[in-house]
Amino acid sequence: MPRFLALYMGSGDSEVQQAWERLSDMEKAERSQRAMKEWGDWVERHSHVIVDMGAPLGKTLLASPEGVSPTRNAITAYVIVEAATHDEAAQMFRNHPHFTIFPGTGVEILQCLPMPTIPE
């Protein structure tokens, strides 16, 4: 079955993040608790197709011809799932708590393609 990499997106300067920052500590704690419960429910509903539960992601370094340097992107976490089609994989993330409760901006879903082989 095809595999898909889902990238949880967020941005420190997004309108959603700014609205989160305006919440009181109590409101943030309540929403975080609710979001983690709903996230757990999402995981339970999809556990049969989750290949790699993933994890939150930290700071980013860019390795390039110029060397290694700090950089930024909007990726906050990832998970790998299996689905029959790209659309089916994306449908798993409709109304996900990452962006309905937490201050995430969305989830990007990419198909994991087979590694090209080098002809001998």
PDB file of N, CA and C in Angstrom:
ATOM      1  N   MET A   1       0.854  -1.182   0.000  1.00  0.00           N
ATOM      2  CA  MET A   1       0.000   0.000   0.000  1.00  0.00           C
ATOM      3  C   MET A   1       0.895   1.239   0.000  1.00  0.00           C
ATOM      4  N   PRO A   2       0.530   2.262  -0.753  1.00  0.00           N
ATOM      5  CA  PRO A   2       1.337   3.485  -0.793  1.00  0.00           C
ATOM      6  C   PRO A   2       1.449   4.147   0.582  1.00  0.00           C
ATOM      7  N   ARG A   3       2.600   4.785   0.780  1.00  0.00           N
ATOM      8  CA  ARG A   3       2.847   5.518   2.028  1.00  0.00           C
ATOM      9  C   ARG A   3       2.860   7.015   1.763  1.00  0.00           C
ATOM     10  N   PHE A   4       2.474   7.752   2.800  1.00  0.00           N
ATOM     11  CA  PHE A   4       2.375   9.205   2.687  1.00  0.00           C
ATOM     12  C   PHE A   4       2.987   9.854   3.920  1.00  0.00           C
ATOM     13  N   LEU A   5       3.782  10.873   3.681  1.00  0.00           N
ATOM     14  CA  LEU A   5       4.389  11.670   4.740  1.00  0.00           C
ATOM     15  C   LEU A   5       3.480  12.867   4.982  1.00  0.00           C
ATOM     16  N   ALA A   6       2.977  12.993   6.188  1.00  0.00           N
ATOM     17  CA  ALA A   6       2.140  14.136   6.548  1.00  0.00           C
ATOM     18  C   ALA A   6       2.970  15.076   7.405  1.00  0.00           C
ATOM     19  N   LEU A   7       3.074  16.310   6.971  1.00  0.00           N
ATOM     20  CA  LEU A   7       3.845  17.326   7.675  1.00  0.00           C
ATOM     21  C   LEU A   7       2.893  18.309   8.337  1.00  0.00           C
ATOM     22  N   TYR A   8       2.979  18.369   9.659  1.00  0.00           N
ATOM     23  CA  TYR A   8       2.167  19.320  10.411  1.00  0.00           C
ATOM     24  C   TYR A   8       2.836  20.685  10.277  1.00  0.00           C
ATOM     25  N   MET A   9       2.078  21.656   9.787  1.00  0.00           N
ATOM     26  CA  MET A   9       2.630  22.972   9.500  1.00  0.00           C
ATOM     27  C   MET A   9       2.163  24.005  10.526  1.00  0.00           C
ATOM     28  N   GLY A  10       3.023  24.964  10.761  1.00  0.00           N
ATOM     29  CA  GLY A  10       2.708  26.070  11.653  1.00  0.00           C
ATOM     30  C   GLY A  10       3.673  27.198  11.360  1.00  0.00           C
ATOM     31  N   SER A  11       3.383  28.344  11.851  1.00  0.00           N
ATOM     32  CA  SER A  11       4.265  29.476  11.633  1.00  0.00           C
ATOM     33  C   SER A  11       4.130  30.431  12.808  1.00  0.00           C
ATOM     34  N   GLY A  12       5.264  30.805  13.372  1.00  0.00           N
ATOM     35  CA  GLY A  12       5.267  31.712  14.511  1.00  0.00           C
ATOM     36  C   GLY A  12       4.665  33.060  14.216  1.00  0.00           C
ATOM     37  N   ASP A  13       4.624  33.430  12.943  1.00  0.00           N
ATOM     38  CA  ASP A  13       4.084  34.749  12.610  1.00  0.00           C
ATOM     39  C   ASP A  13       2.700  34.650  11.956  1.00  0.00           C
ATOM     40  N   SER A  14       2.074  33.477  12.010  1.00  0.00           N
ATOM     41  CA  SER A  14       0.749  33.329  11.404  1.00  0.00           C
ATOM     42  C   SER A  14      -0.310  33.994  12.274  1.00  0.00           C
ATOM     43  N   GLU A  15      -1.416  34.335  11.665  1.00  0.00           N
ATOM     44  CA  GLU A  15      -2.541  34.926  12.393  1.00  0.00           C
ATOM     45  C   GLU A  15      -3.051  33.952  13.460  1.00  0.00           C
ATOM     46  N   VAL A  16      -3.032  32.663  13.115  1.00  0.00           N
ATOM     47  CA  VAL A  16      -3.487  31.631  14.056  1.00  0.00           C
ATOM     48  C   VAL A  16      -2.580  31.607  15.286  1.00  0.00           C
ATOM     49  N   GLN A  17      -1.271  31.665  15.080  1.00  0.00           N
ATOM     50  CA  GLN A  17      -0.321  31.652  16.189  1.00  0.00           C
ATOM     51  C   GLN A  17      -0.476  32.913  17.039  1.00  0.00           C
ATOM     52  N   GLN A  18      -0.681  34.040  16.400  1.00  0.00           N
ATOM     53  CA  GLN A  18      -0.863  35.283  17.150  1.00  0.00           C
ATOM     54  C   GLN A  18      -2.118  35.231  18.007  1.00  0.00           C
ATOM     55  N   ALA A  19      -3.186  34.633  17.483  1.00  0.00           N
ATOM     56  CA  ALA A  19      -4.420  34.485  18.272  1.00  0.00           C
ATOM     57  C   ALA A  19      -4.167  33.568  19.469  1.00  0.00           C
ATOM     58  N   TRP A  20      -3.381  32.508  19.262  1.00  0.00           N
ATOM     59  CA  TRP A  20      -3.024  31.590  20.356  1.00  0.00           C
ATOM     60  C   TRP A  20      -2.264  32.339  21.442  1.00  0.00           C
ATOM     61  N   GLU A  21      -1.334  33.184  21.044  1.00  0.00           N
ATOM     62  CA  GLU A  21      -0.522  33.930  22.005  1.00  0.00           C
ATOM     63  C   GLU A  21      -1.363  34.884  22.846  1.00  0.00           C
ATOM     64  N   ARG A  22      -2.490  35.318  22.317  1.00  0.00           N
ATOM     65  CA  ARG A  22      -3.360  36.237  23.069  1.00  0.00           C
ATOM     66  C   ARG A  22      -4.215  35.511  24.109  1.00  0.00           C
ATOM     67  N   LEU A  23      -4.269  34.177  24.061  1.00  0.00           N
ATOM     68  CA  LEU A  23      -5.051  33.422  25.043  1.00  0.00           C
ATOM     69  C   LEU A  23      -4.384  33.492  26.416  1.00  0.00           C
ATOM     70  N   SER A  24      -5.185  33.386  27.442  1.00  0.00           N
ATOM     71  CA  SER A  24      -4.620  33.325  28.799  1.00  0.00           C
ATOM     72  C   SER A  24      -3.940  31.969  28.985  1.00  0.00           C
ATOM     73  N   ASP A  25      -3.095  31.875  29.996  1.00  0.00           N
ATOM     74  CA  ASP A  25      -2.428  30.597  30.284  1.00  0.00           C
ATOM     75  C   ASP A  25      -3.453  29.508  30.547  1.00  0.00           C
ATOM     76  N   MET A  26      -4.527  29.851  31.236  1.00  0.00           N
ATOM     77  CA  MET A  26      -5.571  28.868  31.535  1.00  0.00           C
ATOM     78  C   MET A  26      -6.246  28.388  30.239  1.00  0.00           C
ATOM     79  N   GLU A  27      -6.553  29.341  29.349  1.00  0.00           N
ATOM     80  CA  GLU A  27      -7.183  28.970  28.077  1.00  0.00           C
ATOM     81  C   GLU A  27      -6.259  28.081  27.248  1.00  0.00           C
ATOM     82  N   LYS A  28      -4.975  28.408  27.217  1.00  0.00           N
ATOM     83  CA  LYS A  28      -4.008  27.582  26.477  1.00  0.00           C
ATOM     84  C   LYS A  28      -3.953  26.174  27.068  1.00  0.00           C
ATOM     85  N   ALA A  29      -3.922  26.079  28.381  1.00  0.00           N
ATOM     86  CA  ALA A  29      -3.854  24.769  29.040  1.00  0.00           C
ATOM     87  C   ALA A  29      -5.110  23.952  28.732  1.00  0.00           C
ATOM     88  N   GLU A  30      -6.274  24.580  28.807  1.00  0.00           N
ATOM     89  CA  GLU A  30      -7.526  23.877  28.523  1.00  0.00           C
ATOM     90  C   GLU A  30      -7.574  23.400  27.074  1.00  0.00           C
ATOM     91  N   ARG A  31      -7.202  24.281  26.146  1.00  0.00           N
ATOM     92  CA  ARG A  31      -7.219  23.903  24.725  1.00  0.00           C
ATOM     93  C   ARG A  31      -6.179  22.830  24.436  1.00  0.00           C
ATOM     94  N   SER A  32      -5.011  22.923  25.070  1.00  0.00           N
ATOM     95  CA  SER A  32      -3.962  21.911  24.860  1.00  0.00           C
ATOM     96  C   SER A  32      -4.441  20.554  25.352  1.00  0.00           C
ATOM     97  N   GLN A  33      -5.074  20.525  26.504  1.00  0.00           N
ATOM     98  CA  GLN A  33      -5.576  19.266  27.050  1.00  0.00           C
ATOM     99  C   GLN A  33      -6.631  18.670  26.112  1.00  0.00           C
ATOM    100  N   ARG A  34      -7.548  19.495  25.638  1.00  0.00           N
ATOM    101  CA  ARG A  34      -8.582  19.033  24.714  1.00  0.00           C
ATOM    102  C   ARG A  34      -7.967  18.556  23.402  1.00  0.00           C
ATOM    103  N   ALA A  35      -6.989  19.305  22.901  1.00  0.00           N
ATOM    104  CA  ALA A  35      -6.341  18.943  21.634  1.00  0.00           C
ATOM    105  C   ALA A  35      -5.610  17.615  21.755  1.00  0.00           C
ATOM    106  N   MET A  36      -4.905  17.394  22.865  1.00  0.00           N
ATOM    107  CA  MET A  36      -4.171  16.138  23.031  1.00  0.00           C
ATOM    108  C   MET A  36      -5.140  14.952  23.125  1.00  0.00           C
ATOM    109  N   LYS A  37      -6.282  15.148  23.759  1.00  0.00           N
ATOM    110  CA  LYS A  37      -7.281  14.075  23.812  1.00  0.00           C
ATOM    111  C   LYS A  37      -7.798  13.783  22.407  1.00  0.00           C
ATOM    112  N   GLU A  38      -8.142  14.834  21.667  1.00  0.00           N
ATOM    113  CA  GLU A  38      -8.658  14.634  20.310  1.00  0.00           C
ATOM    114  C   GLU A  38      -7.588  14.055  19.389  1.00  0.00           C
ATOM    115  N   TRP A  39      -6.321  14.472  19.590  1.00  0.00           N
ATOM    116  CA  TRP A  39      -5.226  13.909  18.801  1.00  0.00           C
ATOM    117  C   TRP A  39      -5.110  12.409  19.104  1.00  0.00           C
ATOM    118  N   GLY A  40      -5.202  12.044  20.384  1.00  0.00           N
ATOM    119  CA  GLY A  40      -5.168  10.638  20.767  1.00  0.00           C
ATOM    120  C   GLY A  40      -6.306   9.856  20.140  1.00  0.00           C
ATOM    121  N   ASP A  41      -7.495  10.457  20.096  1.00  0.00           N
ATOM    122  CA  ASP A  41      -8.647   9.822  19.441  1.00  0.00           C
ATOM    123  C   ASP A  41      -8.361   9.631  17.950  1.00  0.00           C
ATOM    124  N   TRP A  42      -7.754  10.653  17.301  1.00  0.00           N
ATOM    125  CA  TRP A  42      -7.403  10.562  15.882  1.00  0.00           C
ATOM    126  C   TRP A  42      -6.420   9.403  15.672  1.00  0.00           C
ATOM    127  N   VAL A  43      -5.407   9.311  16.532  1.00  0.00           N
ATOM    128  CA  VAL A  43      -4.418   8.233  16.419  1.00  0.00           C
ATOM    129  C   VAL A  43      -5.108   6.878  16.570  1.00  0.00           C
ATOM    130  N   GLU A  44      -6.000   6.765  17.534  1.00  0.00           N
ATOM    131  CA  GLU A  44      -6.700   5.493  17.744  1.00  0.00           C
ATOM    132  C   GLU A  44      -7.516   5.108  16.516  1.00  0.00           C
ATOM    133  N   ARG A  45      -8.230   6.087  15.918  1.00  0.00           N
ATOM    134  CA  ARG A  45      -9.042   5.802  14.726  1.00  0.00           C
ATOM    135  C   ARG A  45      -8.191   5.373  13.534  1.00  0.00           C
ATOM    136  N   HIS A  46      -6.963   5.860  13.459  1.00  0.00           N
ATOM    137  CA  HIS A  46      -6.110   5.593  12.296  1.00  0.00           C
ATOM    138  C   HIS A  46      -4.918   4.687  12.610  1.00  0.00           C
ATOM    139  N   SER A  47      -4.897   4.073  13.774  1.00  0.00           N
ATOM    140  CA  SER A  47      -3.728   3.280  14.183  1.00  0.00           C
ATOM    141  C   SER A  47      -3.409   2.157  13.204  1.00  0.00           C
ATOM    142  N   HIS A  48      -4.415   1.640  12.522  1.00  0.00           N
ATOM    143  CA  HIS A  48      -4.196   0.543  11.583  1.00  0.00           C
ATOM    144  C   HIS A  48      -3.458   0.985  10.307  1.00  0.00           C
ATOM    145  N   VAL A  49      -3.364   2.293  10.063  1.00  0.00           N
ATOM    146  CA  VAL A  49      -2.651   2.775   8.869  1.00  0.00           C
ATOM    147  C   VAL A  49      -1.463   3.676   9.208  1.00  0.00           C
ATOM    148  N   ILE A  50      -1.185   3.886  10.491  1.00  0.00           N
ATOM    149  CA  ILE A  50      -0.016   4.688  10.878  1.00  0.00           C
ATOM    150  C   ILE A  50       1.204   3.779  10.857  1.00  0.00           C
ATOM    151  N   VAL A  51       2.150   4.119   9.971  1.00  0.00           N
ATOM    152  CA  VAL A  51       3.377   3.341   9.810  1.00  0.00           C
ATOM    153  C   VAL A  51       4.456   3.835  10.768  1.00  0.00           C
ATOM    154  N   ASP A  52       4.536   5.148  10.924  1.00  0.00           N
ATOM    155  CA  ASP A  52       5.511   5.792  11.810  1.00  0.00           C
ATOM    156  C   ASP A  52       4.780   6.933  12.499  1.00  0.00           C
ATOM    157  N   MET A  53       4.646   6.853  13.813  1.00  0.00           N
ATOM    158  CA  MET A  53       3.916   7.867  14.569  1.00  0.00           C
ATOM    159  C   MET A  53       4.551   9.239  14.445  1.00  0.00           C
ATOM    160  N   GLY A  54       5.821   9.294  14.062  1.00  0.00           N
ATOM    161  CA  GLY A  54       6.478  10.581  13.908  1.00  0.00           C
ATOM    162  C   GLY A  54       6.803  11.214  15.240  1.00  0.00           C
ATOM    163  N   ALA A  55       6.980  12.532  15.221  1.00  0.00           N
ATOM    164  CA  ALA A  55       7.376  13.263  16.416  1.00  0.00           C
ATOM    165  C   ALA A  55       7.350  14.756  16.124  1.00  0.00           C
ATOM    166  N   PRO A  56       7.333  15.565  17.173  1.00  0.00           N
ATOM    167  CA  PRO A  56       7.537  16.999  16.985  1.00  0.00           C
ATOM    168  C   PRO A  56       8.964  17.221  16.476  1.00  0.00           C
ATOM    169  N   LEU A  57       9.156  18.313  15.767  1.00  0.00           N
ATOM    170  CA  LEU A  57      10.466  18.611  15.196  1.00  0.00           C
ATOM    171  C   LEU A  57      11.052  19.883  15.797  1.00  0.00           C
ATOM    172  N   GLY A  58      12.383  19.898  15.929  1.00  0.00           N
ATOM    173  CA  GLY A  58      13.074  21.039  16.521  1.00  0.00           C
ATOM    174  C   GLY A  58      13.642  21.976  15.470  1.00  0.00           C
ATOM    175  N   LYS A  59      14.679  22.678  15.869  1.00  0.00           N
ATOM    176  CA  LYS A  59      15.315  23.674  15.004  1.00  0.00           C
ATOM    177  C   LYS A  59      15.896  23.016  13.755  1.00  0.00           C
ATOM    178  N   THR A  60      16.018  23.805  12.702  1.00  0.00           N
ATOM    179  CA  THR A  60      16.454  23.308  11.400  1.00  0.00           C
ATOM    180  C   THR A  60      17.842  23.831  11.049  1.00  0.00           C
ATOM    181  N   LEU A  61      18.674  22.937  10.530  1.00  0.00           N
ATOM    182  CA  LEU A  61      19.955  23.318   9.933  1.00  0.00           C
ATOM    183  C   LEU A  61      19.891  22.973   8.457  1.00  0.00           C
ATOM    184  N   LEU A  62      20.461  23.819   7.632  1.00  0.00           N
ATOM    185  CA  LEU A  62      20.505  23.609   6.188  1.00  0.00           C
ATOM    186  C   LEU A  62      21.932  23.260   5.791  1.00  0.00           C
ATOM    187  N   ALA A  63      22.110  22.094   5.177  1.00  0.00           N
ATOM    188  CA  ALA A  63      23.401  21.719   4.597  1.00  0.00           C
ATOM    189  C   ALA A  63      23.318  22.020   3.108  1.00  0.00           C
ATOM    190  N   SER A  64      24.234  22.830   2.608  1.00  0.00           N
ATOM    191  CA  SER A  64      24.210  23.250   1.209  1.00  0.00           C
ATOM    192  C   SER A  64      25.643  23.394   0.716  1.00  0.00           C
ATOM    193  N   PRO A  65      25.827  23.706  -0.570  1.00  0.00           N
ATOM    194  CA  PRO A  65      27.191  23.917  -1.071  1.00  0.00           C
ATOM    195  C   PRO A  65      27.950  25.000  -0.297  1.00  0.00           C
ATOM    196  N   GLU A  66      27.217  25.911   0.357  1.00  0.00           N
ATOM    197  CA  GLU A  66      27.860  26.983   1.122  1.00  0.00           C
ATOM    198  C   GLU A  66      28.231  26.546   2.528  1.00  0.00           C
ATOM    199  N   GLY A  67      27.839  25.340   2.924  1.00  0.00           N
ATOM    200  CA  GLY A  67      28.135  24.842   4.268  1.00  0.00           C
ATOM    201  C   GLY A  67      26.863  24.533   5.028  1.00  0.00           C
ATOM    202  N   VAL A  68      26.941  24.604   6.337  1.00  0.00           N
ATOM    203  CA  VAL A  68      25.798  24.323   7.208  1.00  0.00           C
ATOM    204  C   VAL A  68      25.428  25.612   7.934  1.00  0.00           C
ATOM    205  N   SER A  69      24.132  25.920   7.913  1.00  0.00           N
ATOM    206  CA  SER A  69      23.690  27.152   8.565  1.00  0.00           C
ATOM    207  C   SER A  69      22.280  26.978   9.099  1.00  0.00           C
ATOM    208  N   PRO A  70      21.939  27.742  10.130  1.00  0.00           N
ATOM    209  CA  PRO A  70      20.565  27.693  10.647  1.00  0.00           C
ATOM    210  C   PRO A  70      19.603  28.225   9.594  1.00  0.00           C
ATOM    211  N   THR A  71      18.412  27.682   9.584  1.00  0.00           N
ATOM    212  CA  THR A  71      17.369  28.167   8.681  1.00  0.00           C
ATOM    213  C   THR A  71      16.024  27.952   9.365  1.00  0.00           C
ATOM    214  N   ARG A  72      14.959  28.376   8.736  1.00  0.00           N
ATOM    215  CA  ARG A  72      13.623  28.218   9.314  1.00  0.00           C
ATOM    216  C   ARG A  72      12.691  27.631   8.277  1.00  0.00           C
ATOM    217  N   ASN A  73      11.729  26.873   8.749  1.00  0.00           N
ATOM    218  CA  ASN A  73      10.626  26.425   7.918  1.00  0.00           C
ATOM    219  C   ASN A  73       9.402  26.320   8.820  1.00  0.00           C
ATOM    220  N   ALA A  74       8.285  25.956   8.254  1.00  0.00           N
ATOM    221  CA  ALA A  74       7.037  25.923   9.011  1.00  0.00           C
ATOM    222  C   ALA A  74       6.654  24.516   9.471  1.00  0.00           C
ATOM    223  N   ILE A  75       7.540  23.542   9.305  1.00  0.00           N
ATOM    224  CA  ILE A  75       7.223  22.167   9.686  1.00  0.00           C
ATOM    225  C   ILE A  75       7.368  22.018  11.198  1.00  0.00           C
ATOM    226  N   THR A  76       6.321  21.497  11.850  1.00  0.00           N
ATOM    227  CA  THR A  76       6.359  21.352  13.308  1.00  0.00           C
ATOM    228  C   THR A  76       6.426  19.899  13.763  1.00  0.00           C
ATOM    229  N   ALA A  77       5.946  18.960  12.926  1.00  0.00           N
ATOM    230  CA  ALA A  77       5.944  17.541  13.279  1.00  0.00           C
ATOM    231  C   ALA A  77       5.641  16.741  12.026  1.00  0.00           C
ATOM    232  N   TYR A  78       5.703  15.406  12.142  1.00  0.00           N
ATOM    233  CA  TYR A  78       5.381  14.552  11.000  1.00  0.00           C
ATOM    234  C   TYR A  78       4.769  13.238  11.468  1.00  0.00           C
ATOM    235  N   VAL A  79       4.124  12.546  10.541  1.00  0.00           N
ATOM    236  CA  VAL A  79       3.614  11.190  10.732  1.00  0.00           C
ATOM    237  C   VAL A  79       3.623  10.535   9.350  1.00  0.00           C
ATOM    238  N   ILE A  80       3.796   9.226   9.295  1.00  0.00           N
ATOM    239  CA  ILE A  80       3.734   8.495   8.028  1.00  0.00           C
ATOM    240  C   ILE A  80       2.560   7.530   8.104  1.00  0.00           C
ATOM    241  N   VAL A  81       1.692   7.602   7.087  1.00  0.00           N
ATOM    242  CA  VAL A  81       0.502   6.748   7.033  1.00  0.00           C
ATOM    243  C   VAL A  81       0.470   5.980   5.715  1.00  0.00           C
ATOM    244  N   GLU A  82      -0.333   4.937   5.693  1.00  0.00           N
ATOM    245  CA  GLU A  82      -0.590   4.201   4.459  1.00  0.00           C
ATOM    246  C   GLU A  82      -2.032   4.458   4.044  1.00  0.00           C
ATOM    247  N   ALA A  83      -2.258   4.547   2.730  1.00  0.00           N
ATOM    248  CA  ALA A  83      -3.601   4.731   2.187  1.00  0.00           C
ATOM    249  C   ALA A  83      -3.595   4.259   0.738  1.00  0.00           C
ATOM    250  N   ALA A  84      -4.758   3.941   0.235  1.00  0.00           N
ATOM    251  CA  ALA A  84      -4.869   3.470  -1.150  1.00  0.00           C
ATOM    252  C   ALA A  84      -4.540   4.576  -2.145  1.00  0.00           C
ATOM    253  N   THR A  85      -4.917   5.828  -1.803  1.00  0.00           N
ATOM    254  CA  THR A  85      -4.676   6.947  -2.713  1.00  0.00           C
ATOM    255  C   THR A  85      -4.206   8.171  -1.932  1.00  0.00           C
ATOM    256  N   HIS A  86      -3.670   9.125  -2.670  1.00  0.00           N
ATOM    257  CA  HIS A  86      -3.225  10.389  -2.084  1.00  0.00           C
ATOM    258  C   HIS A  86      -4.424  11.103  -1.432  1.00  0.00           C
ATOM    259  N   ASP A  87      -5.546  11.133  -2.141  1.00  0.00           N
ATOM    260  CA  ASP A  87      -6.732  11.794  -1.602  1.00  0.00           C
ATOM    261  C   ASP A  87      -7.216  11.106  -0.328  1.00  0.00           C
ATOM    262  N   GLU A  88      -7.183   9.780  -0.303  1.00  0.00           N
ATOM    263  CA  GLU A  88      -7.597   9.052   0.900  1.00  0.00           C
ATOM    264  C   GLU A  88      -6.695   9.407   2.083  1.00  0.00           C
ATOM    265  N   ALA A  89      -5.413   9.527   1.827  1.00  0.00           N
ATOM    266  CA  ALA A  89      -4.488   9.922   2.894  1.00  0.00           C
ATOM    267  C   ALA A  89      -4.817  11.328   3.387  1.00  0.00           C
ATOM    268  N   ALA A  90      -5.062  12.247   2.467  1.00  0.00           N
ATOM    269  CA  ALA A  90      -5.375  13.627   2.852  1.00  0.00           C
ATOM    270  C   ALA A  90      -6.676  13.699   3.646  1.00  0.00           C
ATOM    271  N   GLN A  91      -7.657  12.883   3.287  1.00  0.00           N
ATOM    272  CA  GLN A  91      -8.942  12.899   3.978  1.00  0.00           C
ATOM    273  C   GLN A  91      -8.802  12.535   5.459  1.00  0.00           C
ATOM    274  N   MET A  92      -7.766  11.755   5.802  1.00  0.00           N
ATOM    275  CA  MET A  92      -7.544  11.391   7.207  1.00  0.00           C
ATOM    276  C   MET A  92      -7.311  12.625   8.077  1.00  0.00           C
ATOM    277  N   PHE A  93      -6.839  13.694   7.481  1.00  0.00           N
ATOM    278  CA  PHE A  93      -6.437  14.884   8.237  1.00  0.00           C
ATOM    279  C   PHE A  93      -7.481  15.999   8.209  1.00  0.00           C
ATOM    280  N   ARG A  94      -8.632  15.741   7.596  1.00  0.00           N
ATOM    281  CA  ARG A  94      -9.709  16.749   7.612  1.00  0.00           C
ATOM    282  C   ARG A  94     -10.093  17.024   9.064  1.00  0.00           C
ATOM    283  N   ASN A  95     -10.202  18.271   9.422  1.00  0.00           N
ATOM    284  CA  ASN A  95     -10.614  18.685  10.776  1.00  0.00           C
ATOM    285  C   ASN A  95      -9.707  18.126  11.872  1.00  0.00           C
ATOM    286  N   HIS A  96      -8.432  17.989  11.573  1.00  0.00           N
ATOM    287  CA  HIS A  96      -7.450  17.468  12.540  1.00  0.00           C
ATOM    288  C   HIS A  96      -7.238  18.491  13.659  1.00  0.00           C
ATOM    289  N   PRO A  97      -7.058  18.029  14.914  1.00  0.00           N
ATOM    290  CA  PRO A  97      -6.868  18.970  16.028  1.00  0.00           C
ATOM    291  C   PRO A  97      -5.609  19.828  15.907  1.00  0.00           C
ATOM    292  N   HIS A  98      -4.672  19.438  15.033  1.00  0.00           N
ATOM    293  CA  HIS A  98      -3.469  20.267  14.861  1.00  0.00           C
ATOM    294  C   HIS A  98      -3.845  21.681  14.440  1.00  0.00           C
ATOM    295  N   PHE A  99      -4.891  21.814  13.630  1.00  0.00           N
ATOM    296  CA  PHE A  99      -5.287  23.153  13.186  1.00  0.00           C
ATOM    297  C   PHE A  99      -6.700  23.553  13.614  1.00  0.00           C
ATOM    298  N   THR A 100      -7.475  22.629  14.165  1.00  0.00           N
ATOM    299  CA  THR A 100      -8.801  23.034  14.648  1.00  0.00           C
ATOM    300  C   THR A 100      -8.764  23.487  16.102  1.00  0.00           C
ATOM    301  N   ILE A 101      -7.738  23.043  16.859  1.00  0.00           N
ATOM    302  CA  ILE A 101      -7.622  23.434  18.269  1.00  0.00           C
ATOM    303  C   ILE A 101      -6.256  24.071  18.538  1.00  0.00           C
ATOM    304  N   PHE A 102      -5.199  23.365  18.148  1.00  0.00           N
ATOM    305  CA  PHE A 102      -3.847  23.921  18.292  1.00  0.00           C
ATOM    306  C   PHE A 102      -3.663  25.039  17.274  1.00  0.00           C
ATOM    307  N   PRO A 103      -2.604  25.819  17.401  1.00  0.00           N
ATOM    308  CA  PRO A 103      -2.400  26.916  16.452  1.00  0.00           C
ATOM    309  C   PRO A 103      -1.673  26.492  15.174  1.00  0.00           C
ATOM    310  N   GLY A 104      -1.845  25.250  14.735  1.00  0.00           N
ATOM    311  CA  GLY A 104      -1.243  24.831  13.475  1.00  0.00           C
ATOM    312  C   GLY A 104      -1.963  25.454  12.291  1.00  0.00           C
ATOM    313  N   THR A 105      -1.271  25.557  11.165  1.00  0.00           N
ATOM    314  CA  THR A 105      -1.871  26.175   9.985  1.00  0.00           C
ATOM    315  C   THR A 105      -2.388  25.154   8.982  1.00  0.00           C
ATOM    316  N   GLY A 106      -2.040  23.871   9.145  1.00  0.00           N
ATOM    317  CA  GLY A 106      -2.517  22.844   8.229  1.00  0.00           C
ATOM    318  C   GLY A 106      -1.606  21.630   8.273  1.00  0.00           C
ATOM    319  N   VAL A 107      -1.946  20.644   7.454  1.00  0.00           N
ATOM    320  CA  VAL A 107      -1.141  19.431   7.329  1.00  0.00           C
ATOM    321  C   VAL A 107      -0.910  19.200   5.846  1.00  0.00           C
ATOM    322  N   GLU A 108       0.347  19.128   5.432  1.00  0.00           N
ATOM    323  CA  GLU A 108       0.690  18.843   4.041  1.00  0.00           C
ATOM    324  C   GLU A 108       0.962  17.350   3.909  1.00  0.00           C
ATOM    325  N   ILE A 109       0.367  16.725   2.888  1.00  0.00           N
ATOM    326  CA  ILE A 109       0.491  15.283   2.696  1.00  0.00           C
ATOM    327  C   ILE A 109       1.208  15.027   1.375  1.00  0.00           C
ATOM    328  N   LEU A 110       2.334  14.310   1.467  1.00  0.00           N
ATOM    329  CA  LEU A 110       3.156  14.010   0.293  1.00  0.00           C
ATOM    330  C   LEU A 110       3.262  12.500   0.130  1.00  0.00           C
ATOM    331  N   GLN A 111       3.154  12.008  -1.108  1.00  0.00           N
ATOM    332  CA  GLN A 111       3.325  10.584  -1.329  1.00  0.00           C
ATOM    333  C   GLN A 111       4.808  10.235  -1.269  1.00  0.00           C
ATOM    334  N   CYS A 112       5.130   9.133  -0.589  1.00  0.00           N
ATOM    335  CA  CYS A 112       6.498   8.614  -0.536  1.00  0.00           C
ATOM    336  C   CYS A 112       6.684   7.725  -1.767  1.00  0.00           C
ATOM    337  N   LEU A 113       7.483   8.162  -2.684  1.00  0.00           N
ATOM    338  CA  LEU A 113       7.691   7.435  -3.940  1.00  0.00           C
ATOM    339  C   LEU A 113       8.800   6.403  -3.792  1.00  0.00           C
ATOM    340  N   PRO A 114       8.810   5.387  -4.658  1.00  0.00           N
ATOM    341  CA  PRO A 114       9.896   4.402  -4.584  1.00  0.00           C
ATOM    342  C   PRO A 114      11.239   5.050  -4.914  1.00  0.00           C
ATOM    343  N   MET A 115      12.277   4.547  -4.286  1.00  0.00           N
ATOM    344  CA  MET A 115      13.618   5.051  -4.540  1.00  0.00           C
ATOM    345  C   MET A 115      14.044   4.628  -5.958  1.00  0.00           C
ATOM    346  N   PRO A 116      14.536   5.573  -6.760  1.00  0.00           N
ATOM    347  CA  PRO A 116      15.007   5.199  -8.106  1.00  0.00           C
ATOM    348  C   PRO A 116      16.184   4.238  -7.997  1.00  0.00           C
ATOM    349  N   THR A 117      16.281   3.368  -8.961  1.00  0.00           N
ATOM    350  CA  THR A 117      17.406   2.438  -8.975  1.00  0.00           C
ATOM    351  C   THR A 117      18.397   2.869 -10.046  1.00  0.00           C
ATOM    352  N   ILE A 118      19.655   2.546  -9.805  1.00  0.00           N
ATOM    353  CA  ILE A 118      20.717   2.872 -10.752  1.00  0.00           C
ATOM    354  C   ILE A 118      20.897   1.648 -11.660  1.00  0.00           C
ATOM    355  N   PRO A 119      20.784   1.846 -12.983  1.00  0.00           N
ATOM    356  CA  PRO A 119      20.977   0.714 -13.877  1.00  0.00           C
ATOM    357  C   PRO A 119      22.415   0.185 -13.773  1.00  0.00           C
ATOM    358  N   GLU A 120      22.531  -1.117 -13.842  1.00  0.00           N
ATOM    359  CA  GLU A 120      23.875  -1.714 -13.765  1.00  0.00           C
ATOM    360  C   GLU A 120      24.472  -1.903 -15.126  1.00  0.00           C
TER     361      GLU A 120
END
